[in-house]
Amino acid sequence: MFKNLKVVELASVLAGPLTGTFFAELGAKVIKIENKLTNGDVTRTWKLPTESKERSISAYYSAANFLKESLLLNITDSLDYEILINHIKDADIVITNYKQSTARKLKLGYDDLKQYNPSLIYAELTGFGDDESRPAFDVVLQAETGFMFMNGEPNRNPVKMPVALIDVLAAHHLKEAILCAIINKLNTGKGKHIKVSLYESALASLANQATNWLMEEHIPQPMGTQHPNIAPYGDMYRTKDGKLLVLAVGSDKQFENLCSLLRMKFDEFGTNAQRVSKRETLNRKISECIVQKTSGYWVSNLERRNIPYGIIKNMQEVFKDKKAKGMLLHEVIEGIETVRVKTALV
């Protein structure tokens, strides 16, 4: 789709590189500029204890970098800066996550680069926006934007998501902004300076939890996997063979089907409001039924009745699934066999 598009990636870690990978997957030429003075993107060194210390890249680095041409440059060196500018001159998009003070110092801000390429789409990632220069790693954003406070179990310490969720969300927001800028450029011939912050991306992704506060002044509390507005939704039950099963019953009809399967009375919990208010009693009754049969039994019977469910799986179990295997992308990077999951689902 983007085989004639050229992207220069001046971004490191996760959000910016994921955005570059999205375009690479769709055929764009992506030039990843890495800092020669620090031996490249810092995630090259973010390794599991089991990973070889001699390898030049990590599994983490591989997750966000696919089909890119990597250039190690020292931008403060005039010759290396000229190499970069030559790439900028015929690029369609530049992705950057420099602090503004650093971009000015390196002469890599939008005003610097548009002199060489007036139609350039300059996609700038920041942590907290223009006004704050503090470092913005994902866990900091999860803390500052309410995600950690409401995540975890009641009466326990807050918990972060085990994926750098805010980086992933910011990458999606940045991709959307770039795609809008491409459409604008097709119509007008003009480039664009796009700004996306991790902070704003996190806030924009709070969805119903934000409106629960904004409209009802309800502060979301840690509920584990449960949902504040729906039951049973996110509630977990153990099967006879020790698997954990999660239900996501979103309508009265689905709950009626569940009651028929479990041979439970429907009327006592016939509305969602009743189910939310009597969640503890409801879950006790469901648990007493679920534990009597194996996960295989419940999977087949819940599917047959169109009742939303899930089995809690670890990574090994996840990637045994044929659907998951179909999303894998393989590439040899610097002599190392790498594999990651697609980001462009088209």
C-alpha atoms as a PDB file:
ATOM      1  CA  MET A   1       0.000   0.000   0.000  1.00  0.00           C
ATOM      2  CA  PHE A   2       2.834   2.441   0.850  1.00  0.00           C
ATOM      3  CA  LYS A   3       5.587   1.120  -1.431  1.00  0.00           C
ATOM      4  CA  ASN A   4       6.374   4.652  -2.699  1.00  0.00           C
ATOM      5  CA  LEU A   5       6.467   6.187   0.783  1.00  0.00           C
ATOM      6  CA  LYS A   6       9.720   7.039   2.561  1.00  0.00           C
ATOM      7  CA  VAL A   7       9.828   7.398   6.345  1.00  0.00           C
ATOM      8  CA  VAL A   8      12.781   8.637   8.403  1.00  0.00           C
ATOM      9  CA  GLU A   9      12.517   7.404  11.995  1.00  0.00           C
ATOM     10  CA  LEU A  10      14.296   9.617  14.520  1.00  0.00           C
ATOM     11  CA  ALA A  11      12.577   7.888  17.439  1.00  0.00           C
ATOM     12  CA  SER A  12      13.654   5.254  19.941  1.00  0.00           C
ATOM     13  CA  VAL A  13      12.146   2.834  22.488  1.00  0.00           C
ATOM     14  CA  LEU A  14       8.572   1.815  21.583  1.00  0.00           C
ATOM     15  CA  ALA A  15       5.861   4.292  20.479  1.00  0.00           C
ATOM     16  CA  GLY A  16       7.810   5.904  17.617  1.00  0.00           C
ATOM     17  CA  PRO A  17       9.391   2.644  16.366  1.00  0.00           C
ATOM     18  CA  LEU A  18       6.000   0.883  16.437  1.00  0.00           C
ATOM     19  CA  THR A  19       4.673   3.663  14.208  1.00  0.00           C
ATOM     20  CA  GLY A  20       7.584   3.212  11.813  1.00  0.00           C
ATOM     21  CA  THR A  21       7.028  -0.548  11.783  1.00  0.00           C
ATOM     22  CA  PHE A  22       3.365  -0.030  10.829  1.00  0.00           C
ATOM     23  CA  PHE A  23       4.439   1.767   7.644  1.00  0.00           C
ATOM     24  CA  ALA A  24       7.222  -0.749   6.956  1.00  0.00           C
ATOM     25  CA  GLU A  25       4.717  -3.607   7.109  1.00  0.00           C
ATOM     26  CA  LEU A  26       2.676  -1.830   4.429  1.00  0.00           C
ATOM     27  CA  GLY A  27       5.645  -1.490   2.101  1.00  0.00           C
ATOM     28  CA  ALA A  28       7.137   1.900   2.991  1.00  0.00           C
ATOM     29  CA  LYS A  29      10.890   2.421   3.001  1.00  0.00           C
ATOM     30  CA  VAL A  30      11.754   3.161   6.630  1.00  0.00           C
ATOM     31  CA  ILE A  31      15.182   4.540   7.530  1.00  0.00           C
ATOM     32  CA  LYS A  32      15.796   4.122  11.265  1.00  0.00           C
ATOM     33  CA  ILE A  33      18.407   6.583  12.553  1.00  0.00           C
ATOM     34  CA  GLU A  34      20.148   5.313  15.696  1.00  0.00           C
ATOM     35  CA  ASN A  35      22.607   7.147  17.914  1.00  0.00           C
ATOM     36  CA  LYS A  36      26.134   6.020  17.128  1.00  0.00           C
ATOM     37  CA  LEU A  37      27.403   7.448  20.444  1.00  0.00           C
ATOM     38  CA  THR A  38      25.179   5.136  22.508  1.00  0.00           C
ATOM     39  CA  ASN A  39      25.447   2.056  20.240  1.00  0.00           C
ATOM     40  CA  GLY A  40      21.921   2.553  18.957  1.00  0.00           C
ATOM     41  CA  ASP A  41      18.404   2.396  20.331  1.00  0.00           C
ATOM     42  CA  VAL A  42      18.475   1.782  24.097  1.00  0.00           C
ATOM     43  CA  THR A  43      16.091  -1.175  23.709  1.00  0.00           C
ATOM     44  CA  ARG A  44      18.907  -3.132  22.057  1.00  0.00           C
ATOM     45  CA  THR A  45      20.155  -3.665  25.629  1.00  0.00           C
ATOM     46  CA  TRP A  46      16.765  -4.357  27.259  1.00  0.00           C
ATOM     47  CA  LYS A  47      17.279  -8.107  27.471  1.00  0.00           C
ATOM     48  CA  LEU A  48      15.806 -10.952  29.455  1.00  0.00           C
ATOM     49  CA  PRO A  49      18.287 -12.714  31.767  1.00  0.00           C
ATOM     50  CA  THR A  50      18.223 -15.650  29.321  1.00  0.00           C
ATOM     51  CA  GLU A  51      19.193 -13.572  26.260  1.00  0.00           C
ATOM     52  CA  SER A  52      22.761 -13.620  24.968  1.00  0.00           C
ATOM     53  CA  LYS A  53      24.771 -10.587  26.051  1.00  0.00           C
ATOM     54  CA  GLU A  54      26.788 -10.832  22.826  1.00  0.00           C
ATOM     55  CA  ARG A  55      23.816 -10.314  20.533  1.00  0.00           C
ATOM     56  CA  SER A  56      23.482  -6.801  19.122  1.00  0.00           C
ATOM     57  CA  ILE A  57      19.688  -6.701  19.537  1.00  0.00           C
ATOM     58  CA  SER A  58      17.106  -7.859  22.062  1.00  0.00           C
ATOM     59  CA  ALA A  59      13.697  -9.437  21.711  1.00  0.00           C
ATOM     60  CA  TYR A  60      12.283  -6.119  22.940  1.00  0.00           C
ATOM     61  CA  TYR A  61      14.018  -4.228  20.111  1.00  0.00           C
ATOM     62  CA  SER A  62      12.705  -6.800  17.628  1.00  0.00           C
ATOM     63  CA  ALA A  63       9.116  -6.214  18.779  1.00  0.00           C
ATOM     64  CA  ALA A  64       9.107  -2.632  17.463  1.00  0.00           C
ATOM     65  CA  ASN A  65      11.481  -2.787  14.499  1.00  0.00           C
ATOM     66  CA  PHE A  66      10.679  -4.625  11.274  1.00  0.00           C
ATOM     67  CA  LEU A  67      11.950  -4.219   7.706  1.00  0.00           C
ATOM     68  CA  LYS A  68      13.880  -1.038   8.493  1.00  0.00           C
ATOM     69  CA  GLU A  69      17.226   0.158   7.194  1.00  0.00           C
ATOM     70  CA  SER A  70      19.166   1.058  10.338  1.00  0.00           C
ATOM     71  CA  LEU A  71      21.802   3.797  10.192  1.00  0.00           C
ATOM     72  CA  LEU A  72      24.106   4.526  13.139  1.00  0.00           C
ATOM     73  CA  LEU A  73      24.833   8.266  13.003  1.00  0.00           C
ATOM     74  CA  ASN A  74      26.317  10.900  15.270  1.00  0.00           C
ATOM     75  CA  ILE A  75      24.075  13.853  14.435  1.00  0.00           C
ATOM     76  CA  THR A  76      26.498  16.300  16.082  1.00  0.00           C
ATOM     77  CA  ASP A  77      29.057  15.357  13.422  1.00  0.00           C
ATOM     78  CA  SER A  78      28.631  17.519  10.295  1.00  0.00           C
ATOM     79  CA  LEU A  79      29.148  14.637   7.855  1.00  0.00           C
ATOM     80  CA  ASP A  80      26.606  12.417   9.613  1.00  0.00           C
ATOM     81  CA  TYR A  81      24.164  15.341   9.827  1.00  0.00           C
ATOM     82  CA  GLU A  82      24.510  15.807   6.064  1.00  0.00           C
ATOM     83  CA  ILE A  83      23.759  12.103   5.507  1.00  0.00           C
ATOM     84  CA  LEU A  84      20.580  12.520   7.538  1.00  0.00           C
ATOM     85  CA  ILE A  85      19.518  15.692   5.722  1.00  0.00           C
ATOM     86  CA  ASN A  86      19.953  13.967   2.366  1.00  0.00           C
ATOM     87  CA  HIS A  87      17.439  11.376   3.542  1.00  0.00           C
ATOM     88  CA  ILE A  88      15.108  14.096   4.846  1.00  0.00           C
ATOM     89  CA  LYS A  89      15.099  15.861   1.461  1.00  0.00           C
ATOM     90  CA  ASP A  90      13.170  13.090  -0.275  1.00  0.00           C
ATOM     91  CA  ALA A  91      11.287  11.724   2.731  1.00  0.00           C
ATOM     92  CA  ASP A  92       7.519  11.884   3.096  1.00  0.00           C
ATOM     93  CA  ILE A  93       7.421  11.468   6.873  1.00  0.00           C
ATOM     94  CA  VAL A  94       9.759  12.052   9.794  1.00  0.00           C
ATOM     95  CA  ILE A  95       8.959  10.438  13.152  1.00  0.00           C
ATOM     96  CA  THR A  96      10.721  11.935  16.169  1.00  0.00           C
ATOM     97  CA  ASN A  97      10.551  11.748  19.957  1.00  0.00           C
ATOM     98  CA  TYR A  98      13.274  14.222  20.853  1.00  0.00           C
ATOM     99  CA  LYS A  99      12.695  16.723  23.627  1.00  0.00           C
ATOM    100  CA  GLN A 100      12.147  20.117  22.010  1.00  0.00           C
ATOM    101  CA  SER A 101      15.354  21.514  23.509  1.00  0.00           C
ATOM    102  CA  THR A 102      17.306  18.565  22.072  1.00  0.00           C
ATOM    103  CA  ALA A 103      15.668  18.933  18.660  1.00  0.00           C
ATOM    104  CA  ARG A 104      16.621  22.622  18.557  1.00  0.00           C
ATOM    105  CA  LYS A 105      20.183  21.859  19.622  1.00  0.00           C
ATOM    106  CA  LEU A 106      20.546  19.168  16.933  1.00  0.00           C
ATOM    107  CA  LYS A 107      18.761  21.304  14.303  1.00  0.00           C
ATOM    108  CA  LEU A 108      16.122  18.626  13.875  1.00  0.00           C
ATOM    109  CA  GLY A 109      12.970  20.568  14.733  1.00  0.00           C
ATOM    110  CA  TYR A 110      10.169  21.072  12.231  1.00  0.00           C
ATOM    111  CA  ASP A 111      11.339  24.585  11.317  1.00  0.00           C
ATOM    112  CA  ASP A 112      14.845  23.227  10.669  1.00  0.00           C
ATOM    113  CA  LEU A 113      13.777  20.347   8.452  1.00  0.00           C
ATOM    114  CA  LYS A 114      10.995  21.990   6.438  1.00  0.00           C
ATOM    115  CA  GLN A 115      13.645  24.228   4.882  1.00  0.00           C
ATOM    116  CA  TYR A 116      14.967  21.120   3.112  1.00  0.00           C
ATOM    117  CA  ASN A 117      11.549  19.599   2.423  1.00  0.00           C
ATOM    118  CA  PRO A 118       8.533  21.982   2.586  1.00  0.00           C
ATOM    119  CA  SER A 119       5.999  19.170   2.049  1.00  0.00           C
ATOM    120  CA  LEU A 120       7.368  17.065   4.914  1.00  0.00           C
ATOM    121  CA  ILE A 121       4.984  15.440   7.405  1.00  0.00           C
ATOM    122  CA  TYR A 122       6.770  15.907  10.733  1.00  0.00           C
ATOM    123  CA  ALA A 123       5.292  13.569  13.368  1.00  0.00           C
ATOM    124  CA  GLU A 124       6.479  14.544  16.842  1.00  0.00           C
ATOM    125  CA  LEU A 125       6.004  12.390  19.933  1.00  0.00           C
ATOM    126  CA  THR A 126       6.354  13.960  23.372  1.00  0.00           C
ATOM    127  CA  GLY A 127       5.849  12.674  26.896  1.00  0.00           C
ATOM    128  CA  PHE A 128       3.709  15.272  28.624  1.00  0.00           C
ATOM    129  CA  GLY A 129       3.390  17.815  25.810  1.00  0.00           C
ATOM    130  CA  ASP A 130       5.328  20.946  24.941  1.00  0.00           C
ATOM    131  CA  ASP A 131       5.374  22.498  28.389  1.00  0.00           C
ATOM    132  CA  GLU A 132       6.991  19.698  30.381  1.00  0.00           C
ATOM    133  CA  SER A 133      10.405  18.194  29.739  1.00  0.00           C
ATOM    134  CA  ARG A 134      10.399  15.442  32.395  1.00  0.00           C
ATOM    135  CA  PRO A 135      11.270  11.933  31.153  1.00  0.00           C
ATOM    136  CA  ALA A 136       8.129  10.010  30.288  1.00  0.00           C
ATOM    137  CA  PHE A 137       8.491   6.250  30.420  1.00  0.00           C
ATOM    138  CA  ASP A 138       5.335   4.181  30.175  1.00  0.00           C
ATOM    139  CA  VAL A 139       4.935   3.276  33.846  1.00  0.00           C
ATOM    140  CA  VAL A 140       5.161   6.989  34.741  1.00  0.00           C
ATOM    141  CA  LEU A 141       2.260   7.709  32.376  1.00  0.00           C
ATOM    142  CA  GLN A 142       0.238   4.765  33.702  1.00  0.00           C
ATOM    143  CA  ALA A 143       0.684   6.254  37.181  1.00  0.00           C
ATOM    144  CA  GLU A 144      -0.063   9.859  36.224  1.00  0.00           C
ATOM    145  CA  THR A 145      -3.188   9.189  34.151  1.00  0.00           C
ATOM    146  CA  GLY A 146      -5.162   6.959  36.496  1.00  0.00           C
ATOM    147  CA  PHE A 147      -4.485   3.570  34.915  1.00  0.00           C
ATOM    148  CA  MET A 148      -2.458   2.212  37.831  1.00  0.00           C
ATOM    149  CA  PHE A 149      -4.818   3.537  40.503  1.00  0.00           C
ATOM    150  CA  MET A 150      -7.776   1.583  39.148  1.00  0.00           C
ATOM    151  CA  ASN A 151      -5.782  -1.498  38.092  1.00  0.00           C
ATOM    152  CA  GLY A 152      -5.236  -4.450  40.425  1.00  0.00           C
ATOM    153  CA  GLU A 153      -7.125  -6.115  43.246  1.00  0.00           C
ATOM    154  CA  PRO A 154      -9.062  -4.363  46.054  1.00  0.00           C
ATOM    155  CA  ASN A 155      -6.955  -3.475  49.126  1.00  0.00           C
ATOM    156  CA  ARG A 156      -3.710  -4.193  47.269  1.00  0.00           C
ATOM    157  CA  ASN A 157      -1.062  -1.898  45.799  1.00  0.00           C
ATOM    158  CA  PRO A 158      -1.756  -0.401  42.342  1.00  0.00           C
ATOM    159  CA  VAL A 159      -0.596  -2.486  39.377  1.00  0.00           C
ATOM    160  CA  LYS A 160       0.714  -1.466  35.965  1.00  0.00           C
ATOM    161  CA  MET A 161      -0.262  -3.207  32.755  1.00  0.00           C
ATOM    162  CA  PRO A 162       2.435  -5.781  31.842  1.00  0.00           C
ATOM    163  CA  VAL A 163       2.678  -4.247  28.339  1.00  0.00           C
ATOM    164  CA  ALA A 164       3.827  -0.639  27.791  1.00  0.00           C
ATOM    165  CA  LEU A 165       0.199   0.190  27.111  1.00  0.00           C
ATOM    166  CA  ILE A 166       0.522   3.980  26.858  1.00  0.00           C
ATOM    167  CA  ASP A 167       3.311   3.672  24.271  1.00  0.00           C
ATOM    168  CA  VAL A 168       1.144   1.321  22.212  1.00  0.00           C
ATOM    169  CA  LEU A 169      -1.847   3.668  22.456  1.00  0.00           C
ATOM    170  CA  ALA A 170       0.292   6.677  21.532  1.00  0.00           C
ATOM    171  CA  ALA A 171       1.618   4.791  18.498  1.00  0.00           C
ATOM    172  CA  HIS A 172      -1.960   4.203  17.338  1.00  0.00           C
ATOM    173  CA  HIS A 173      -2.832   7.877  17.817  1.00  0.00           C
ATOM    174  CA  LEU A 174       0.288   8.921  15.920  1.00  0.00           C
ATOM    175  CA  LYS A 175      -0.498   6.538  13.052  1.00  0.00           C
ATOM    176  CA  GLU A 176      -3.996   8.006  12.786  1.00  0.00           C
ATOM    177  CA  ALA A 177      -2.614  11.546  12.741  1.00  0.00           C
ATOM    178  CA  ILE A 178      -0.060  10.683  10.048  1.00  0.00           C
ATOM    179  CA  LEU A 179      -2.702   9.011   7.889  1.00  0.00           C
ATOM    180  CA  CYS A 180      -4.868  12.131   8.178  1.00  0.00           C
ATOM    181  CA  ALA A 181      -1.838  14.248   7.205  1.00  0.00           C
ATOM    182  CA  ILE A 182      -1.214  12.020   4.163  1.00  0.00           C
ATOM    183  CA  ILE A 183      -4.809  12.580   3.004  1.00  0.00           C
ATOM    184  CA  ASN A 184      -4.387  16.324   3.561  1.00  0.00           C
ATOM    185  CA  LYS A 185      -1.132  16.284   1.554  1.00  0.00           C
ATOM    186  CA  LEU A 186      -2.816  14.455  -1.327  1.00  0.00           C
ATOM    187  CA  ASN A 187      -5.488  17.178  -1.399  1.00  0.00           C
ATOM    188  CA  THR A 188      -3.293  20.248  -0.840  1.00  0.00           C
ATOM    189  CA  GLY A 189       0.311  19.237  -1.530  1.00  0.00           C
ATOM    190  CA  LYS A 190       1.248  20.632   1.869  1.00  0.00           C
ATOM    191  CA  GLY A 191       3.113  19.001   4.722  1.00  0.00           C
ATOM    192  CA  LYS A 192       2.093  19.084   8.355  1.00  0.00           C
ATOM    193  CA  HIS A 193       3.568  19.343  11.848  1.00  0.00           C
ATOM    194  CA  ILE A 194       1.816  16.714  13.981  1.00  0.00           C
ATOM    195  CA  LYS A 195       2.167  16.506  17.752  1.00  0.00           C
ATOM    196  CA  VAL A 196       1.045  13.559  19.865  1.00  0.00           C
ATOM    197  CA  SER A 197       1.890  13.198  23.550  1.00  0.00           C
ATOM    198  CA  LEU A 198       1.841  10.024  25.600  1.00  0.00           C
ATOM    199  CA  TYR A 199      -0.087  11.930  28.266  1.00  0.00           C
ATOM    200  CA  GLU A 200      -2.902  13.019  25.945  1.00  0.00           C
ATOM    201  CA  SER A 201      -3.044   9.574  24.337  1.00  0.00           C
ATOM    202  CA  ALA A 202      -3.484   8.011  27.763  1.00  0.00           C
ATOM    203  CA  LEU A 203      -6.256  10.434  28.730  1.00  0.00           C
ATOM    204  CA  ALA A 204      -8.012   9.913  25.391  1.00  0.00           C
ATOM    205  CA  SER A 205      -7.981   6.156  26.072  1.00  0.00           C
ATOM    206  CA  LEU A 206      -9.670   6.294  29.480  1.00  0.00           C
ATOM    207  CA  ALA A 207     -13.039   6.049  27.698  1.00  0.00           C
ATOM    208  CA  ASN A 208     -15.915   5.095  30.045  1.00  0.00           C
ATOM    209  CA  GLN A 209     -13.710   5.287  33.145  1.00  0.00           C
ATOM    210  CA  ALA A 210     -13.166   8.977  32.397  1.00  0.00           C
ATOM    211  CA  THR A 211     -16.858   9.686  31.819  1.00  0.00           C
ATOM    212  CA  ASN A 212     -17.811   7.775  34.982  1.00  0.00           C
ATOM    213  CA  TRP A 213     -15.879  10.508  36.804  1.00  0.00           C
ATOM    214  CA  LEU A 214     -16.668  13.469  34.547  1.00  0.00           C
ATOM    215  CA  MET A 215     -20.419  12.846  34.561  1.00  0.00           C
ATOM    216  CA  GLU A 216     -21.032  11.040  37.866  1.00  0.00           C
ATOM    217  CA  GLU A 217     -17.954  11.936  39.978  1.00  0.00           C
ATOM    218  CA  HIS A 218     -17.289   8.222  40.405  1.00  0.00           C
ATOM    219  CA  ILE A 219     -13.623   7.467  41.062  1.00  0.00           C
ATOM    220  CA  PRO A 220     -12.907   4.007  39.581  1.00  0.00           C
ATOM    221  CA  GLN A 221     -11.546   1.641  42.215  1.00  0.00           C
ATOM    222  CA  PRO A 222      -9.404  -1.481  41.746  1.00  0.00           C
ATOM    223  CA  MET A 223     -11.753  -4.327  40.861  1.00  0.00           C
ATOM    224  CA  GLY A 224      -9.372  -6.908  39.471  1.00  0.00           C
ATOM    225  CA  THR A 225     -10.853  -8.071  36.177  1.00  0.00           C
ATOM    226  CA  GLN A 226     -14.416  -7.054  37.051  1.00  0.00           C
ATOM    227  CA  HIS A 227     -16.385  -4.268  35.353  1.00  0.00           C
ATOM    228  CA  PRO A 228     -18.003  -1.443  37.367  1.00  0.00           C
ATOM    229  CA  ASN A 229     -21.087  -1.276  35.109  1.00  0.00           C
ATOM    230  CA  ILE A 230     -21.695  -4.875  33.987  1.00  0.00           C
ATOM    231  CA  ALA A 231     -21.922  -8.339  35.602  1.00  0.00           C
ATOM    232  CA  PRO A 232     -20.818 -11.020  35.073  1.00  0.00           C
ATOM    233  CA  TYR A 233     -18.192  -9.245  32.972  1.00  0.00           C
ATOM    234  CA  GLY A 234     -14.555  -9.980  33.695  1.00  0.00           C
ATOM    235  CA  ASP A 235     -15.589 -12.248  36.563  1.00  0.00           C
ATOM    236  CA  MET A 236     -13.471 -15.426  36.719  1.00  0.00           C
ATOM    237  CA  TYR A 237     -14.364 -18.989  37.622  1.00  0.00           C
ATOM    238  CA  ARG A 238     -12.229 -22.119  38.040  1.00  0.00           C
ATOM    239  CA  THR A 239     -13.135 -25.234  36.051  1.00  0.00           C
ATOM    240  CA  LYS A 240     -12.854 -28.860  37.128  1.00  0.00           C
ATOM    241  CA  ASP A 241      -9.478 -29.204  35.342  1.00  0.00           C
ATOM    242  CA  GLY A 242      -8.048 -26.119  37.056  1.00  0.00           C
ATOM    243  CA  LYS A 243      -8.398 -23.594  34.202  1.00  0.00           C
ATOM    244  CA  LEU A 244      -9.659 -20.079  34.842  1.00  0.00           C
ATOM    245  CA  LEU A 245     -12.641 -19.065  32.729  1.00  0.00           C
ATOM    246  CA  VAL A 246     -13.784 -15.456  32.315  1.00  0.00           C
ATOM    247  CA  LEU A 247     -17.299 -14.418  31.270  1.00  0.00           C
ATOM    248  CA  ALA A 248     -18.308 -11.215  29.472  1.00  0.00           C
ATOM    249  CA  VAL A 249     -22.093 -11.198  29.569  1.00  0.00           C
ATOM    250  CA  GLY A 250     -23.211  -7.904  28.059  1.00  0.00           C
ATOM    251  CA  SER A 251     -26.962  -8.402  27.566  1.00  0.00           C
ATOM    252  CA  ASP A 252     -29.970  -9.897  29.332  1.00  0.00           C
ATOM    253  CA  LYS A 253     -30.400 -12.408  26.493  1.00  0.00           C
ATOM    254  CA  GLN A 254     -26.824 -13.650  26.914  1.00  0.00           C
ATOM    255  CA  PHE A 255     -27.410 -14.007  30.639  1.00  0.00           C
ATOM    256  CA  GLU A 256     -30.652 -15.889  30.014  1.00  0.00           C
ATOM    257  CA  ASN A 257     -28.695 -18.311  27.800  1.00  0.00           C
ATOM    258  CA  LEU A 258     -26.112 -18.689  30.571  1.00  0.00           C
ATOM    259  CA  CYS A 259     -28.838 -19.469  33.122  1.00  0.00           C
ATOM    260  CA  SER A 260     -30.253 -22.107  30.779  1.00  0.00           C
ATOM    261  CA  LEU A 261     -26.819 -23.735  30.469  1.00  0.00           C
ATOM    262  CA  LEU A 262     -26.122 -23.616  34.214  1.00  0.00           C
ATOM    263  CA  ARG A 263     -29.726 -24.527  35.158  1.00  0.00           C
ATOM    264  CA  MET A 264     -29.992 -21.360  37.253  1.00  0.00           C
ATOM    265  CA  LYS A 265     -33.108 -19.271  37.871  1.00  0.00           C
ATOM    266  CA  PHE A 266     -33.127 -16.218  35.577  1.00  0.00           C
ATOM    267  CA  ASP A 267     -35.641 -13.939  37.361  1.00  0.00           C
ATOM    268  CA  GLU A 268     -33.535 -13.189  40.458  1.00  0.00           C
ATOM    269  CA  PHE A 269     -30.775 -11.667  38.270  1.00  0.00           C
ATOM    270  CA  GLY A 270     -32.877 -10.785  35.211  1.00  0.00           C
ATOM    271  CA  THR A 271     -31.535  -7.262  34.733  1.00  0.00           C
ATOM    272  CA  ASN A 272     -27.979  -5.974  34.594  1.00  0.00           C
ATOM    273  CA  ALA A 273     -28.701  -3.656  37.551  1.00  0.00           C
ATOM    274  CA  GLN A 274     -29.704  -6.670  39.657  1.00  0.00           C
ATOM    275  CA  ARG A 275     -26.595  -8.554  38.602  1.00  0.00           C
ATOM    276  CA  VAL A 276     -24.273  -5.661  39.476  1.00  0.00           C
ATOM    277  CA  SER A 277     -25.878  -5.080  42.874  1.00  0.00           C
ATOM    278  CA  LYS A 278     -25.871  -8.809  43.744  1.00  0.00           C
ATOM    279  CA  ARG A 279     -22.526  -9.630  42.108  1.00  0.00           C
ATOM    280  CA  GLU A 280     -21.144 -11.581  45.078  1.00  0.00           C
ATOM    281  CA  THR A 281     -24.184 -13.862  45.351  1.00  0.00           C
ATOM    282  CA  LEU A 282     -24.327 -14.278  41.587  1.00  0.00           C
ATOM    283  CA  ASN A 283     -20.656 -15.223  41.337  1.00  0.00           C
ATOM    284  CA  ARG A 284     -20.949 -17.764  44.120  1.00  0.00           C
ATOM    285  CA  LYS A 285     -23.769 -19.536  42.277  1.00  0.00           C
ATOM    286  CA  ILE A 286     -21.956 -19.464  38.932  1.00  0.00           C
ATOM    287  CA  SER A 287     -18.744 -20.744  40.546  1.00  0.00           C
ATOM    288  CA  GLU A 288     -20.566 -23.721  42.083  1.00  0.00           C
ATOM    289  CA  CYS A 289     -21.681 -24.728  38.575  1.00  0.00           C
ATOM    290  CA  ILE A 290     -18.489 -24.029  36.613  1.00  0.00           C
ATOM    291  CA  VAL A 291     -16.244 -26.072  38.918  1.00  0.00           C
ATOM    292  CA  GLN A 292     -18.250 -29.225  38.196  1.00  0.00           C
ATOM    293  CA  LYS A 293     -17.144 -29.529  34.540  1.00  0.00           C
ATOM    294  CA  THR A 294     -13.879 -29.228  32.585  1.00  0.00           C
ATOM    295  CA  SER A 295     -12.837 -26.241  30.493  1.00  0.00           C
ATOM    296  CA  GLY A 296     -13.435 -28.234  27.303  1.00  0.00           C
ATOM    297  CA  TYR A 297     -17.037 -28.802  28.274  1.00  0.00           C
ATOM    298  CA  TRP A 298     -17.630 -25.120  28.990  1.00  0.00           C
ATOM    299  CA  VAL A 299     -15.888 -23.930  25.829  1.00  0.00           C
ATOM    300  CA  SER A 300     -18.085 -26.037  23.566  1.00  0.00           C
ATOM    301  CA  ASN A 301     -21.319 -25.272  25.422  1.00  0.00           C
ATOM    302  CA  LEU A 302     -20.749 -21.539  25.850  1.00  0.00           C
ATOM    303  CA  GLU A 303     -19.870 -21.215  22.166  1.00  0.00           C
ATOM    304  CA  ARG A 304     -22.965 -23.144  21.141  1.00  0.00           C
ATOM    305  CA  ARG A 305     -25.140 -20.682  23.069  1.00  0.00           C
ATOM    306  CA  ASN A 306     -23.272 -17.572  21.868  1.00  0.00           C
ATOM    307  CA  ILE A 307     -22.168 -16.600  25.393  1.00  0.00           C
ATOM    308  CA  PRO A 308     -18.951 -14.508  25.447  1.00  0.00           C
ATOM    309  CA  TYR A 309     -16.198 -16.303  27.374  1.00  0.00           C
ATOM    310  CA  GLY A 310     -12.441 -16.647  27.511  1.00  0.00           C
ATOM    311  CA  ILE A 311      -9.909 -19.092  28.930  1.00  0.00           C
ATOM    312  CA  ILE A 312      -7.004 -17.404  30.744  1.00  0.00           C
ATOM    313  CA  LYS A 313      -3.886 -18.356  28.733  1.00  0.00           C
ATOM    314  CA  ASN A 314      -0.149 -17.846  29.113  1.00  0.00           C
ATOM    315  CA  MET A 315       2.041 -16.791  26.156  1.00  0.00           C
ATOM    316  CA  GLN A 316       2.861 -20.370  25.195  1.00  0.00           C
ATOM    317  CA  GLU A 317      -0.836 -21.237  25.051  1.00  0.00           C
ATOM    318  CA  VAL A 318      -1.672 -18.027  23.153  1.00  0.00           C
ATOM    319  CA  PHE A 319       0.733 -18.766  20.309  1.00  0.00           C
ATOM    320  CA  LYS A 320      -0.397 -22.370  19.913  1.00  0.00           C
ATOM    321  CA  ASP A 321      -3.532 -20.950  18.309  1.00  0.00           C
ATOM    322  CA  LYS A 322      -3.523 -21.012  14.480  1.00  0.00           C
ATOM    323  CA  LYS A 323      -5.007 -17.502  14.371  1.00  0.00           C
ATOM    324  CA  ALA A 324      -2.099 -16.158  16.425  1.00  0.00           C
ATOM    325  CA  LYS A 325       0.485 -17.981  14.303  1.00  0.00           C
ATOM    326  CA  GLY A 326      -0.952 -16.284  11.234  1.00  0.00           C
ATOM    327  CA  MET A 327      -0.023 -12.874  12.644  1.00  0.00           C
ATOM    328  CA  LEU A 328       3.698 -13.532  13.054  1.00  0.00           C
ATOM    329  CA  LEU A 329       6.350 -11.680  11.039  1.00  0.00           C
ATOM    330  CA  HIS A 330       9.857 -13.134  10.706  1.00  0.00           C
ATOM    331  CA  GLU A 331      13.038 -11.278   9.771  1.00  0.00           C
ATOM    332  CA  VAL A 332      16.794 -11.787  10.118  1.00  0.00           C
ATOM    333  CA  ILE A 333      18.264  -8.656  11.724  1.00  0.00           C
ATOM    334  CA  GLU A 334      22.042  -8.414  11.997  1.00  0.00           C
ATOM    335  CA  GLY A 335      22.314 -12.179  11.629  1.00  0.00           C
ATOM    336  CA  ILE A 336      19.690 -12.893  14.305  1.00  0.00           C
ATOM    337  CA  GLU A 337      16.392 -14.684  13.632  1.00  0.00           C
ATOM    338  CA  THR A 338      13.634 -12.425  14.944  1.00  0.00           C
ATOM    339  CA  VAL A 339       9.873 -12.732  15.161  1.00  0.00           C
ATOM    340  CA  ARG A 340       7.143 -10.325  16.212  1.00  0.00           C
ATOM    341  CA  VAL A 341       3.376  -9.782  15.873  1.00  0.00           C
ATOM    342  CA  LYS A 342       1.906  -7.676  13.070  1.00  0.00           C
ATOM    343  CA  THR A 343       0.808  -4.099  13.781  1.00  0.00           C
ATOM    344  CA  ALA A 344      -0.838  -3.450  10.386  1.00  0.00           C
ATOM    345  CA  LEU A 345      -3.979  -5.571  10.295  1.00  0.00           C
ATOM    346  CA  VAL A 346      -5.110  -4.931   6.726  1.00  0.00           C
END
